[in-house]
Amino acid sequence: MKRKIIALLSVFTLVFSFASIASAAGATADNEMKAAIEKGLKEKHYDYKKGSIEITDIKTVPNNDPKLDTSEIVVGMGSYKTLRDNIFYFKHKDIVFYNAKDNKMLTEQEVAKAGPELQQYKKTHEDQVGTKMDFVVIILLLSLVLLVPLYLLAIWEKGQYLTTKFKIKNNLYNHMKNFN
């Protein structure tokens, strides 16, 4: 009985050790793809936030365009952030194209004639593409337009009147003269 259990554990250990090697190879390919797409996004957006790219729904489609020097194009939904003036955050969601042979990001113009499968992928994901802005910072900045005058009227102005009353009461303006 012990021999069967040991043999079974050995088989599981062997299988799981190969599974981790296979997943590490896939992770390396994903990291290369992310690095290439991140490099392309840095060229496209001067305000790209480093390390913010996340790629989902990855699919490999065949290339029918003879001008491209690859037989397959890897396509996926990329979501990333840009940061303008260290204040304004934008969340972008775009379809990203990757050439695994040359390890570089492709533009939409380069893959325009790639084939019907790529066009189908673009059609199915066209409602997810777009840019959204984080409005929290803008609302906080606009609230200052109301808060600063309210502060000046409610708190600072009262202090000014109190100071003036104190100066008059203690004759600091030298306005009370006794005529004898």
N, C-alpha and C. Protein backbone atom coordinates (compact mmCIF):
# COMPACT_ATOMS: atom_id res chain seq x y z
N MET A 1 0.83 -1.20 0.00
CA MET A 1 0.00 0.00 0.00
C MET A 1 0.87 1.26 0.00
N LYS A 2 1.94 1.25 0.79
CA LYS A 2 2.83 2.41 0.86
C LYS A 2 3.51 2.64 -0.48
N ARG A 3 3.86 1.58 -1.17
CA ARG A 3 4.53 1.72 -2.46
C ARG A 3 3.60 2.39 -3.49
N LYS A 4 2.31 2.04 -3.45
CA LYS A 4 1.36 2.64 -4.39
C LYS A 4 1.19 4.13 -4.11
N ILE A 5 1.13 4.49 -2.84
CA ILE A 5 0.98 5.91 -2.48
C ILE A 5 2.22 6.69 -2.89
N ILE A 6 3.39 6.13 -2.65
CA ILE A 6 4.64 6.80 -3.02
C ILE A 6 4.74 6.93 -4.54
N ALA A 7 4.33 5.90 -5.26
CA ALA A 7 4.36 5.95 -6.72
C ALA A 7 3.38 7.00 -7.24
N LEU A 8 2.20 7.07 -6.64
CA LEU A 8 1.20 8.06 -7.03
C LEU A 8 1.69 9.49 -6.75
N LEU A 9 2.30 9.73 -5.59
CA LEU A 9 2.85 11.04 -5.27
C LEU A 9 4.00 11.41 -6.21
N SER A 10 4.79 10.43 -6.60
CA SER A 10 5.89 10.68 -7.53
C SER A 10 5.35 11.10 -8.89
N VAL A 11 4.29 10.45 -9.34
CA VAL A 11 3.69 10.81 -10.63
C VAL A 11 3.12 12.23 -10.56
N PHE A 12 2.42 12.57 -9.48
CA PHE A 12 1.88 13.93 -9.33
C PHE A 12 3.00 14.97 -9.29
N THR A 13 4.06 14.69 -8.60
CA THR A 13 5.20 15.61 -8.52
C THR A 13 5.81 15.81 -9.90
N LEU A 14 5.96 14.74 -10.64
CA LEU A 14 6.52 14.82 -11.98
C LEU A 14 5.62 15.64 -12.91
N VAL A 15 4.32 15.41 -12.86
CA VAL A 15 3.38 16.14 -13.71
C VAL A 15 3.36 17.62 -13.36
N PHE A 16 3.31 17.95 -12.08
CA PHE A 16 3.26 19.36 -11.68
C PHE A 16 4.57 20.09 -11.94
N SER A 17 5.69 19.38 -11.93
CA SER A 17 6.96 20.04 -12.24
C SER A 17 7.00 20.44 -13.72
N PHE A 18 6.45 19.60 -14.62
CA PHE A 18 6.38 19.98 -16.03
C PHE A 18 5.37 21.08 -16.26
N ALA A 19 4.29 21.10 -15.52
CA ALA A 19 3.28 22.14 -15.68
C ALA A 19 3.84 23.50 -15.32
N SER A 20 4.67 23.58 -14.29
CA SER A 20 5.24 24.87 -13.91
C SER A 20 6.23 25.36 -14.95
N ILE A 21 6.95 24.47 -15.61
CA ILE A 21 7.88 24.87 -16.67
C ILE A 21 7.09 25.41 -17.86
N ALA A 22 5.99 24.76 -18.21
CA ALA A 22 5.18 25.22 -19.34
C ALA A 22 4.56 26.58 -19.05
N SER A 23 4.10 26.80 -17.83
CA SER A 23 3.50 28.09 -17.52
C SER A 23 4.56 29.18 -17.46
N ALA A 24 5.78 28.85 -17.07
CA ALA A 24 6.86 29.84 -17.05
C ALA A 24 7.21 30.27 -18.47
N ALA A 25 7.18 29.33 -19.42
CA ALA A 25 7.45 29.70 -20.81
C ALA A 25 6.36 30.62 -21.35
N GLY A 26 5.10 30.34 -21.01
CA GLY A 26 4.00 31.21 -21.43
C GLY A 26 4.11 32.58 -20.79
N ALA A 27 4.53 32.62 -19.55
CA ALA A 27 4.68 33.91 -18.86
C ALA A 27 5.79 34.73 -19.50
N THR A 28 6.86 34.08 -19.95
CA THR A 28 7.94 34.80 -20.61
C THR A 28 7.44 35.41 -21.91
N ALA A 29 6.65 34.66 -22.68
CA ALA A 29 6.09 35.20 -23.92
C ALA A 29 5.17 36.37 -23.62
N ASP A 30 4.36 36.26 -22.58
CA ASP A 30 3.48 37.37 -22.20
C ASP A 30 4.28 38.59 -21.78
N ASN A 31 5.38 38.37 -21.05
CA ASN A 31 6.21 39.49 -20.62
C ASN A 31 6.87 40.18 -21.81
N GLU A 32 7.31 39.38 -22.81
CA GLU A 32 7.88 39.98 -24.01
C GLU A 32 6.84 40.80 -24.76
N MET A 33 5.64 40.28 -24.83
CA MET A 33 4.55 41.00 -25.51
C MET A 33 4.23 42.30 -24.77
N LYS A 34 4.14 42.22 -23.45
CA LYS A 34 3.85 43.43 -22.67
C LYS A 34 4.96 44.46 -22.82
N ALA A 35 6.21 44.01 -22.82
CA ALA A 35 7.33 44.94 -22.96
C ALA A 35 7.31 45.62 -24.32
N ALA A 36 7.02 44.87 -25.38
CA ALA A 36 6.98 45.46 -26.72
C ALA A 36 5.81 46.44 -26.86
N ILE A 37 4.67 46.07 -26.31
CA ILE A 37 3.50 46.96 -26.40
C ILE A 37 3.72 48.20 -25.54
N GLU A 38 4.35 48.02 -24.39
CA GLU A 38 4.64 49.18 -23.53
C GLU A 38 5.59 50.14 -24.25
N LYS A 39 6.57 49.61 -24.95
CA LYS A 39 7.49 50.46 -25.72
C LYS A 39 6.75 51.22 -26.81
N GLY A 40 5.82 50.54 -27.50
CA GLY A 40 5.02 51.21 -28.53
C GLY A 40 4.10 52.26 -27.96
N LEU A 41 3.54 52.01 -26.77
CA LEU A 41 2.65 53.00 -26.15
C LEU A 41 3.42 54.22 -25.66
N LYS A 42 4.66 54.02 -25.24
CA LYS A 42 5.49 55.17 -24.84
C LYS A 42 5.75 56.09 -26.02
N GLU A 43 5.90 55.50 -27.21
CA GLU A 43 6.09 56.31 -28.40
C GLU A 43 4.80 57.03 -28.79
N LYS A 44 3.67 56.39 -28.56
CA LYS A 44 2.37 56.94 -28.94
C LYS A 44 1.90 58.02 -27.95
N HIS A 45 2.10 57.78 -26.65
CA HIS A 45 1.66 58.70 -25.60
C HIS A 45 2.86 59.18 -24.79
N TYR A 46 3.10 60.48 -24.79
CA TYR A 46 4.23 61.01 -24.02
C TYR A 46 3.99 60.89 -22.52
N ASP A 47 2.73 60.78 -22.11
CA ASP A 47 2.38 60.77 -20.70
C ASP A 47 1.97 59.38 -20.22
N TYR A 48 2.43 58.34 -20.90
CA TYR A 48 2.09 56.96 -20.55
C TYR A 48 2.62 56.63 -19.15
N LYS A 49 1.79 56.02 -18.32
CA LYS A 49 2.19 55.62 -16.97
C LYS A 49 2.84 54.24 -17.05
N LYS A 50 4.09 54.18 -16.71
CA LYS A 50 4.88 52.96 -16.86
C LYS A 50 4.31 51.82 -16.01
N GLY A 51 4.21 50.64 -16.63
CA GLY A 51 3.76 49.45 -15.94
C GLY A 51 2.26 49.32 -15.78
N SER A 52 1.49 50.16 -16.45
CA SER A 52 0.03 50.12 -16.26
C SER A 52 -0.69 49.26 -17.31
N ILE A 53 0.04 48.68 -18.24
CA ILE A 53 -0.61 47.90 -19.31
C ILE A 53 -1.09 46.55 -18.78
N GLU A 54 -2.32 46.24 -19.13
CA GLU A 54 -2.91 44.93 -18.86
C GLU A 54 -3.56 44.46 -20.15
N ILE A 55 -3.19 43.25 -20.58
CA ILE A 55 -3.70 42.72 -21.84
C ILE A 55 -4.59 41.52 -21.54
N THR A 56 -5.81 41.57 -22.06
CA THR A 56 -6.77 40.48 -21.86
C THR A 56 -7.30 40.02 -23.22
N ASP A 57 -7.96 38.91 -23.22
CA ASP A 57 -8.61 38.36 -24.41
C ASP A 57 -7.63 38.26 -25.58
N ILE A 58 -6.50 37.64 -25.34
CA ILE A 58 -5.45 37.52 -26.35
C ILE A 58 -5.83 36.42 -27.34
N LYS A 59 -5.64 36.73 -28.62
CA LYS A 59 -5.97 35.78 -29.67
C LYS A 59 -4.94 35.91 -30.79
N THR A 60 -4.58 34.79 -31.40
CA THR A 60 -3.66 34.80 -32.53
C THR A 60 -4.46 34.60 -33.80
N VAL A 61 -4.27 35.52 -34.75
CA VAL A 61 -5.00 35.45 -36.01
C VAL A 61 -4.00 35.37 -37.16
N PRO A 62 -4.37 34.71 -38.26
CA PRO A 62 -3.46 34.64 -39.41
C PRO A 62 -3.39 35.97 -40.15
N ASN A 63 -2.27 36.19 -40.81
CA ASN A 63 -2.05 37.41 -41.57
C ASN A 63 -2.20 37.11 -43.06
N ASN A 64 -3.04 37.87 -43.74
CA ASN A 64 -3.22 37.73 -45.18
C ASN A 64 -2.57 38.86 -45.97
N ASP A 65 -1.94 39.79 -45.29
CA ASP A 65 -1.31 40.94 -45.94
C ASP A 65 0.15 40.60 -46.27
N PRO A 66 0.52 40.59 -47.55
CA PRO A 66 1.91 40.25 -47.91
C PRO A 66 2.92 41.33 -47.52
N LYS A 67 2.46 42.53 -47.24
CA LYS A 67 3.39 43.59 -46.85
C LYS A 67 3.96 43.38 -45.45
N LEU A 68 3.20 42.72 -44.59
CA LEU A 68 3.70 42.42 -43.24
C LEU A 68 4.60 41.19 -43.30
N ASP A 69 5.68 41.24 -42.58
CA ASP A 69 6.66 40.16 -42.60
C ASP A 69 6.39 39.15 -41.48
N THR A 70 5.16 38.69 -41.38
CA THR A 70 4.81 37.71 -40.37
C THR A 70 3.62 36.89 -40.86
N SER A 71 3.49 35.69 -40.34
CA SER A 71 2.36 34.86 -40.74
C SER A 71 1.21 34.95 -39.76
N GLU A 72 1.49 35.39 -38.52
CA GLU A 72 0.46 35.51 -37.48
C GLU A 72 0.58 36.85 -36.76
N ILE A 73 -0.57 37.32 -36.34
CA ILE A 73 -0.64 38.56 -35.54
C ILE A 73 -1.33 38.22 -34.23
N VAL A 74 -0.72 38.64 -33.14
CA VAL A 74 -1.34 38.45 -31.83
C VAL A 74 -2.11 39.72 -31.52
N VAL A 75 -3.37 39.57 -31.18
CA VAL A 75 -4.23 40.71 -30.92
C VAL A 75 -4.86 40.54 -29.55
N GLY A 76 -5.07 41.64 -28.85
CA GLY A 76 -5.67 41.58 -27.52
C GLY A 76 -6.22 42.93 -27.10
N MET A 77 -6.99 42.91 -26.03
CA MET A 77 -7.54 44.15 -25.47
C MET A 77 -6.56 44.68 -24.45
N GLY A 78 -6.01 45.84 -24.70
CA GLY A 78 -5.05 46.45 -23.80
C GLY A 78 -5.67 47.60 -23.04
N SER A 79 -5.53 47.59 -21.73
CA SER A 79 -5.99 48.72 -20.93
C SER A 79 -4.78 49.29 -20.21
N TYR A 80 -4.63 50.61 -20.29
CA TYR A 80 -3.48 51.30 -19.72
C TYR A 80 -3.89 52.68 -19.26
N LYS A 81 -2.99 53.35 -18.53
CA LYS A 81 -3.29 54.67 -17.99
C LYS A 81 -2.27 55.68 -18.49
N THR A 82 -2.73 56.92 -18.61
CA THR A 82 -1.84 58.04 -18.87
C THR A 82 -2.06 59.07 -17.76
N LEU A 83 -1.01 59.82 -17.48
CA LEU A 83 -1.05 60.81 -16.40
C LEU A 83 -0.51 62.12 -16.94
N ARG A 84 -1.39 63.11 -17.08
CA ARG A 84 -0.98 64.41 -17.61
C ARG A 84 -0.81 65.41 -16.47
N ASP A 85 0.28 66.11 -16.48
CA ASP A 85 0.58 67.18 -15.53
C ASP A 85 0.54 66.70 -14.09
N ASN A 86 0.78 65.42 -13.87
CA ASN A 86 0.75 64.81 -12.52
C ASN A 86 -0.58 65.04 -11.81
N ILE A 87 -1.64 65.32 -12.54
CA ILE A 87 -2.95 65.56 -11.94
C ILE A 87 -4.04 64.74 -12.63
N PHE A 88 -4.07 64.77 -13.95
CA PHE A 88 -5.19 64.23 -14.70
C PHE A 88 -4.90 62.80 -15.16
N TYR A 89 -5.71 61.85 -14.66
CA TYR A 89 -5.58 60.44 -15.02
C TYR A 89 -6.57 60.10 -16.13
N PHE A 90 -6.09 59.39 -17.13
CA PHE A 90 -6.93 58.88 -18.20
C PHE A 90 -6.77 57.37 -18.24
N LYS A 91 -7.89 56.66 -18.40
CA LYS A 91 -7.86 55.21 -18.55
C LYS A 91 -8.23 54.90 -19.99
N HIS A 92 -7.31 54.27 -20.70
CA HIS A 92 -7.52 53.94 -22.10
C HIS A 92 -7.77 52.44 -22.24
N LYS A 93 -8.62 52.09 -23.17
CA LYS A 93 -8.85 50.70 -23.51
C LYS A 93 -8.83 50.61 -25.03
N ASP A 94 -7.81 49.95 -25.56
CA ASP A 94 -7.62 49.86 -27.01
C ASP A 94 -7.35 48.42 -27.41
N ILE A 95 -7.51 48.16 -28.69
CA ILE A 95 -7.09 46.88 -29.25
C ILE A 95 -5.63 47.02 -29.64
N VAL A 96 -4.79 46.12 -29.12
CA VAL A 96 -3.35 46.19 -29.40
C VAL A 96 -2.96 45.02 -30.30
N PHE A 97 -2.00 45.29 -31.17
CA PHE A 97 -1.55 44.30 -32.14
C PHE A 97 -0.06 44.06 -31.91
N TYR A 98 0.35 42.80 -32.01
CA TYR A 98 1.73 42.42 -31.69
C TYR A 98 2.25 41.46 -32.74
N ASN A 99 3.45 41.72 -33.20
CA ASN A 99 4.15 40.85 -34.13
C ASN A 99 5.15 40.03 -33.32
N ALA A 100 4.86 38.75 -33.10
CA ALA A 100 5.71 37.90 -32.27
C ALA A 100 7.04 37.60 -32.95
N LYS A 101 7.07 37.60 -34.26
CA LYS A 101 8.30 37.29 -34.99
C LYS A 101 9.35 38.38 -34.78
N ASP A 102 8.94 39.64 -34.91
CA ASP A 102 9.86 40.76 -34.75
C ASP A 102 9.85 41.34 -33.34
N ASN A 103 8.97 40.86 -32.49
CA ASN A 103 8.82 41.33 -31.11
C ASN A 103 8.59 42.84 -31.07
N LYS A 104 7.55 43.29 -31.78
CA LYS A 104 7.22 44.71 -31.77
C LYS A 104 5.71 44.90 -31.87
N MET A 105 5.28 46.05 -31.41
CA MET A 105 3.86 46.42 -31.47
C MET A 105 3.56 46.92 -32.88
N LEU A 106 2.42 46.52 -33.39
CA LEU A 106 1.98 46.97 -34.70
C LEU A 106 0.90 48.03 -34.54
N THR A 107 0.85 48.95 -35.48
CA THR A 107 -0.19 49.97 -35.45
C THR A 107 -1.42 49.46 -36.19
N GLU A 108 -2.50 50.17 -36.02
CA GLU A 108 -3.74 49.76 -36.69
C GLU A 108 -3.63 49.93 -38.21
N GLN A 109 -2.84 50.89 -38.65
CA GLN A 109 -2.65 51.08 -40.09
C GLN A 109 -1.88 49.91 -40.70
N GLU A 110 -0.94 49.35 -39.96
CA GLU A 110 -0.14 48.25 -40.48
C GLU A 110 -0.96 46.96 -40.63
N VAL A 111 -1.97 46.78 -39.79
CA VAL A 111 -2.76 45.55 -39.83
C VAL A 111 -4.13 45.77 -40.48
N ALA A 112 -4.29 46.86 -41.21
CA ALA A 112 -5.59 47.18 -41.80
C ALA A 112 -6.04 46.13 -42.81
N LYS A 113 -5.12 45.51 -43.51
CA LYS A 113 -5.46 44.51 -44.53
C LYS A 113 -5.03 43.11 -44.11
N ALA A 114 -5.01 42.86 -42.81
CA ALA A 114 -4.49 41.58 -42.31
C ALA A 114 -5.43 40.42 -42.57
N GLY A 115 -6.71 40.61 -42.59
CA GLY A 115 -7.60 39.50 -42.87
C GLY A 115 -8.94 39.63 -42.18
N PRO A 116 -9.87 38.76 -42.54
CA PRO A 116 -11.23 38.86 -42.00
C PRO A 116 -11.32 38.50 -40.51
N GLU A 117 -10.47 37.61 -40.02
CA GLU A 117 -10.53 37.24 -38.61
C GLU A 117 -10.17 38.42 -37.71
N LEU A 118 -9.20 39.20 -38.14
CA LEU A 118 -8.83 40.38 -37.37
C LEU A 118 -9.95 41.42 -37.40
N GLN A 119 -10.57 41.58 -38.56
CA GLN A 119 -11.69 42.52 -38.66
C GLN A 119 -12.85 42.07 -37.78
N GLN A 120 -13.08 40.77 -37.71
CA GLN A 120 -14.14 40.23 -36.85
C GLN A 120 -13.83 40.50 -35.38
N TYR A 121 -12.56 40.33 -35.00
CA TYR A 121 -12.15 40.60 -33.62
C TYR A 121 -12.38 42.08 -33.28
N LYS A 122 -12.02 42.96 -34.22
CA LYS A 122 -12.22 44.39 -33.98
C LYS A 122 -13.69 44.73 -33.85
N LYS A 123 -14.55 44.09 -34.64
CA LYS A 123 -15.99 44.36 -34.57
C LYS A 123 -16.57 43.88 -33.25
N THR A 124 -16.13 42.73 -32.77
CA THR A 124 -16.70 42.21 -31.52
C THR A 124 -16.26 43.02 -30.31
N HIS A 125 -15.14 43.72 -30.40
CA HIS A 125 -14.64 44.49 -29.26
C HIS A 125 -14.73 46.00 -29.44
N GLU A 126 -15.42 46.48 -30.48
CA GLU A 126 -15.46 47.92 -30.72
C GLU A 126 -16.23 48.69 -29.65
N ASP A 127 -17.15 48.05 -28.94
CA ASP A 127 -17.89 48.75 -27.89
C ASP A 127 -17.08 48.88 -26.60
N GLN A 128 -15.97 48.17 -26.48
CA GLN A 128 -15.14 48.24 -25.28
C GLN A 128 -14.02 49.26 -25.41
N VAL A 129 -13.75 49.75 -26.60
CA VAL A 129 -12.65 50.66 -26.86
C VAL A 129 -13.05 52.08 -26.46
N GLY A 130 -12.13 52.79 -25.81
CA GLY A 130 -12.40 54.17 -25.46
C GLY A 130 -11.47 54.71 -24.40
N THR A 131 -11.67 55.97 -24.05
CA THR A 131 -10.87 56.65 -23.05
C THR A 131 -11.80 57.27 -22.02
N LYS A 132 -11.45 57.08 -20.76
CA LYS A 132 -12.23 57.66 -19.67
C LYS A 132 -11.30 58.48 -18.79
N MET A 133 -11.83 59.58 -18.29
CA MET A 133 -11.04 60.46 -17.44
C MET A 133 -11.51 60.33 -16.00
N ASP A 134 -10.55 60.39 -15.09
CA ASP A 134 -10.86 60.36 -13.67
C ASP A 134 -11.23 61.79 -13.24
N PHE A 135 -12.50 62.00 -12.87
CA PHE A 135 -13.00 63.34 -12.60
C PHE A 135 -12.85 63.79 -11.15
N VAL A 136 -12.32 62.96 -10.28
CA VAL A 136 -12.21 63.32 -8.87
C VAL A 136 -11.33 64.55 -8.69
N VAL A 137 -10.20 64.59 -9.38
CA VAL A 137 -9.29 65.73 -9.25
C VAL A 137 -9.93 67.01 -9.78
N ILE A 138 -10.63 66.92 -10.88
CA ILE A 138 -11.27 68.11 -11.46
C ILE A 138 -12.35 68.64 -10.52
N ILE A 139 -13.13 67.74 -9.93
CA ILE A 139 -14.17 68.18 -9.00
C ILE A 139 -13.55 68.83 -7.77
N LEU A 140 -12.44 68.29 -7.28
CA LEU A 140 -11.77 68.91 -6.14
C LEU A 140 -11.22 70.30 -6.49
N LEU A 141 -10.66 70.43 -7.68
CA LEU A 141 -10.16 71.75 -8.09
C LEU A 141 -11.30 72.75 -8.27
N LEU A 142 -12.40 72.30 -8.83
CA LEU A 142 -13.55 73.20 -9.01
C LEU A 142 -14.20 73.55 -7.67
N SER A 143 -14.11 72.66 -6.71
CA SER A 143 -14.68 72.97 -5.40
C SER A 143 -13.91 74.10 -4.72
N LEU A 144 -12.64 74.27 -5.07
CA LEU A 144 -11.88 75.38 -4.50
C LEU A 144 -12.45 76.74 -4.92
N VAL A 145 -13.08 76.79 -6.08
CA VAL A 145 -13.70 78.03 -6.54
C VAL A 145 -14.79 78.48 -5.56
N LEU A 146 -15.47 77.53 -4.95
CA LEU A 146 -16.50 77.86 -3.97
C LEU A 146 -15.96 77.95 -2.55
N LEU A 147 -15.02 77.08 -2.21
CA LEU A 147 -14.56 77.00 -0.83
C LEU A 147 -13.69 78.19 -0.42
N VAL A 148 -12.85 78.69 -1.29
CA VAL A 148 -11.99 79.82 -0.94
C VAL A 148 -12.80 81.08 -0.63
N PRO A 149 -13.76 81.49 -1.47
CA PRO A 149 -14.56 82.67 -1.10
C PRO A 149 -15.40 82.45 0.17
N LEU A 150 -15.92 81.23 0.34
CA LEU A 150 -16.66 80.96 1.57
C LEU A 150 -15.78 81.08 2.79
N TYR A 151 -14.56 80.61 2.70
CA TYR A 151 -13.62 80.74 3.81
C TYR A 151 -13.34 82.21 4.10
N LEU A 152 -13.10 82.98 3.04
CA LEU A 152 -12.80 84.40 3.24
C LEU A 152 -13.98 85.14 3.87
N LEU A 153 -15.19 84.80 3.46
CA LEU A 153 -16.36 85.49 4.00
C LEU A 153 -16.72 85.02 5.41
N ALA A 154 -16.62 83.75 5.65
CA ALA A 154 -17.11 83.21 6.92
C ALA A 154 -16.09 83.27 8.05
N ILE A 155 -14.86 82.99 7.80
CA ILE A 155 -13.88 82.87 8.89
C ILE A 155 -12.90 84.04 8.91
N TRP A 156 -12.27 84.33 7.82
CA TRP A 156 -11.24 85.34 7.80
C TRP A 156 -11.81 86.74 8.05
N GLU A 157 -12.95 87.03 7.47
CA GLU A 157 -13.55 88.36 7.62
C GLU A 157 -13.95 88.64 9.06
N LYS A 158 -14.45 87.63 9.77
CA LYS A 158 -14.81 87.82 11.17
C LYS A 158 -13.58 88.17 12.00
N GLY A 159 -12.49 87.56 11.70
CA GLY A 159 -11.26 87.89 12.41
C GLY A 159 -10.81 89.31 12.15
N GLN A 160 -11.04 89.81 10.96
CA GLN A 160 -10.68 91.18 10.64
C GLN A 160 -11.52 92.17 11.45
N TYR A 161 -12.81 91.91 11.56
CA TYR A 161 -13.65 92.80 12.35
C TYR A 161 -13.27 92.75 13.82
N LEU A 162 -12.96 91.61 14.33
CA LEU A 162 -12.56 91.51 15.73
C LEU A 162 -11.28 92.29 15.99
N THR A 163 -10.36 92.26 15.07
CA THR A 163 -9.11 93.00 15.22
C THR A 163 -9.39 94.49 15.20
N THR A 164 -10.25 94.94 14.32
CA THR A 164 -10.58 96.36 14.24
C THR A 164 -11.27 96.82 15.53
N LYS A 165 -12.20 96.05 16.03
CA LYS A 165 -12.87 96.39 17.29
C LYS A 165 -11.88 96.48 18.43
N PHE A 166 -10.93 95.57 18.46
CA PHE A 166 -9.92 95.59 19.52
C PHE A 166 -9.08 96.87 19.43
N LYS A 167 -8.69 97.25 18.21
CA LYS A 167 -7.86 98.44 18.04
C LYS A 167 -8.61 99.71 18.42
N ILE A 168 -9.91 99.77 18.07
CA ILE A 168 -10.70 100.96 18.43
C ILE A 168 -10.90 101.03 19.93
N LYS A 169 -11.23 99.93 20.54
CA LYS A 169 -11.50 99.88 21.98
C LYS A 169 -10.27 100.27 22.78
N ASN A 170 -9.10 99.91 22.33
CA ASN A 170 -7.87 100.22 23.05
C ASN A 170 -7.16 101.46 22.52
N ASN A 171 -7.84 102.22 21.70
CA ASN A 171 -7.34 103.49 21.18
C ASN A 171 -6.00 103.33 20.46
N LEU A 172 -5.86 102.27 19.68
CA LEU A 172 -4.64 102.08 18.92
C LEU A 172 -4.59 102.95 17.67
N TYR A 173 -5.73 103.45 17.23
CA TYR A 173 -5.78 104.37 16.10
C TYR A 173 -5.59 105.82 16.56
N ASN A 174 -5.52 106.02 17.84
CA ASN A 174 -5.36 107.34 18.44
C ASN A 174 -6.46 108.28 17.97
N HIS A 175 -7.67 107.83 18.06
CA HIS A 175 -8.81 108.62 17.60
C HIS A 175 -9.53 109.31 18.77
N MET A 176 -9.26 108.94 19.99
CA MET A 176 -9.89 109.58 21.15
C MET A 176 -8.91 110.58 21.75
N LYS A 177 -9.32 111.82 21.71
CA LYS A 177 -8.47 112.85 22.29
C LYS A 177 -9.27 113.58 23.35
N ASN A 178 -8.63 113.80 24.39
CA ASN A 178 -9.26 114.57 25.49
C ASN A 178 -8.86 116.03 25.33
N PHE A 179 -9.89 116.87 25.26
CA PHE A 179 -9.63 118.30 25.19
C PHE A 179 -9.83 118.90 26.56
N ASN A 180 -8.84 119.40 27.09
CA ASN A 180 -8.93 120.02 28.42
C ASN A 180 -8.79 121.49 28.34
